Structure formats: structure tokens, C-alpha cells
């Protein structure tokens, strides 16, 4: 995995107070999320964020997404 920190467009599915990203679109292409491996709440850059570790279709290694809650912006952190 390498650190990228790129703004991404993420399609999200909401269900029973659980939020799951299902599609990620960025400069590397579009990726379908198979499963969310872990979700953790962190504080980065003086803002509350959620970190998502996701396994995606076509890749062996997981990718890491960051959701900035206040700005409602998604970032691809590690690819």
C-alpha cells in the first residue's frame, strides 16, 4: 500500500445506521468494494474522520478511505 491522499467520489449505501462504501471513483479508475474490513473513528487535521479499510474487486491488497464528516468529503488515503 502506498500513501495517496487523493480526493475521491464514493458511492455509499446506508442501512440500519451503518454506512458502507460500495463504489470508489478516482484517477486510478473505478473500484467495486467487496467488503469493509474495518471502520475506525479518528481525528485528523483537526477534524473528525472515519477510516474505512476495504477489500476491492480485482486487488489483493485492501485500500483505505477517509471520510471527513464536517466537509462530507471522501479521500483515498492508501492504495
Protein backbone atom coordinates (compact mmCIF):
# COMPACT_ATOMS: atom_id res chain seq x y z
CA UNK A 1 0.00 0.00 0.00
CA UNK A 2 1.23 3.49 -0.77
CA UNK A 3 0.03 6.79 0.66
CA UNK A 4 -2.04 8.71 -1.90
CA UNK A 5 -4.39 11.17 -0.13
CA UNK A 6 -6.45 11.87 -3.23
CA UNK A 7 -9.98 13.26 -3.27
CA UNK A 8 -12.38 10.54 -4.47
CA UNK A 9 -16.01 10.17 -5.46
CA UNK A 10 -17.58 7.40 -3.40
CA UNK A 11 -20.98 5.80 -3.79
CA UNK A 12 -22.30 4.93 -0.33
CA UNK A 13 -25.05 2.57 0.81
CA UNK A 14 -26.83 3.44 4.07
CA UNK A 15 -28.62 0.75 6.01
CA UNK A 16 -29.68 0.41 9.66
CA UNK A 17 -27.38 3.22 10.85
CA UNK A 18 -24.40 1.55 9.14
CA UNK A 19 -22.70 3.29 6.25
CA UNK A 20 -20.82 1.21 3.65
CA UNK A 21 -18.96 2.46 0.60
CA UNK A 22 -19.86 0.33 -2.43
CA UNK A 23 -18.06 2.07 -5.34
CA UNK A 24 -14.93 4.25 -5.47
CA UNK A 25 -14.11 6.50 -8.44
CA UNK A 26 -10.72 8.22 -8.61
CA UNK A 27 -7.84 8.84 -11.02
CA UNK A 28 -6.84 5.17 -10.68
CA UNK A 29 -10.24 4.08 -12.07
CA UNK A 30 -13.49 2.78 -10.62
CA UNK A 31 -13.43 0.05 -7.98
CA UNK A 32 -16.27 -2.05 -6.57
CA UNK A 33 -15.96 -2.60 -2.83
CA UNK A 34 -16.43 -6.25 -1.91
CA UNK A 35 -16.35 -5.81 1.85
CA UNK A 36 -15.49 -3.26 4.53
CA UNK A 37 -12.85 -4.90 6.71
CA UNK A 38 -12.77 -2.29 9.48
CA UNK A 39 -14.14 1.14 10.40
CA UNK A 40 -12.48 3.42 12.93
CA UNK A 41 -13.15 6.98 14.05
CA UNK A 42 -10.10 9.25 14.15
CA UNK A 43 -9.23 12.90 14.41
CA UNK A 44 -7.04 14.15 11.54
CA UNK A 45 -6.19 17.70 10.54
CA UNK A 46 -8.31 18.97 13.48
CA UNK A 47 -11.43 17.28 12.05
CA UNK A 48 -13.35 14.14 12.95
CA UNK A 49 -12.99 11.43 10.31
CA UNK A 50 -13.93 7.83 9.73
CA UNK A 51 -11.30 5.50 8.30
CA UNK A 52 -12.52 2.57 6.16
CA UNK A 53 -10.29 -0.37 5.27
CA UNK A 54 -11.93 -2.01 2.25
CA UNK A 55 -11.24 -5.01 0.06
CA UNK A 56 -11.97 -4.19 -3.57
CA UNK A 57 -12.63 -6.30 -6.62
CA UNK A 58 -9.52 -7.04 -8.69
CA UNK A 59 -6.95 -6.24 -5.97
CA UNK A 60 -5.29 -8.49 -3.41
CA UNK A 61 -4.40 -5.67 -1.02
CA UNK A 62 -7.09 -3.60 0.71
CA UNK A 63 -7.40 0.16 0.23
CA UNK A 64 -8.00 2.80 2.87
CA UNK A 65 -10.64 5.52 2.60
CA UNK A 66 -11.11 8.57 4.81
CA UNK A 67 -14.45 10.33 5.21
CA UNK A 68 -14.24 13.89 6.54
CA UNK A 69 -17.52 14.19 8.47
CA UNK A 70 -17.70 18.01 8.63
CA UNK A 71 -16.95 18.61 4.96
CA UNK A 72 -18.63 15.39 3.74
CA UNK A 73 -15.55 14.75 1.57
CA UNK A 74 -14.03 11.36 0.77
CA UNK A 75 -10.31 10.77 0.30
CA UNK A 76 -8.43 7.74 -0.95
CA UNK A 77 -5.69 7.53 1.69
CA UNK A 78 -3.77 4.37 0.85
CA UNK A 79 -3.82 2.43 -2.40
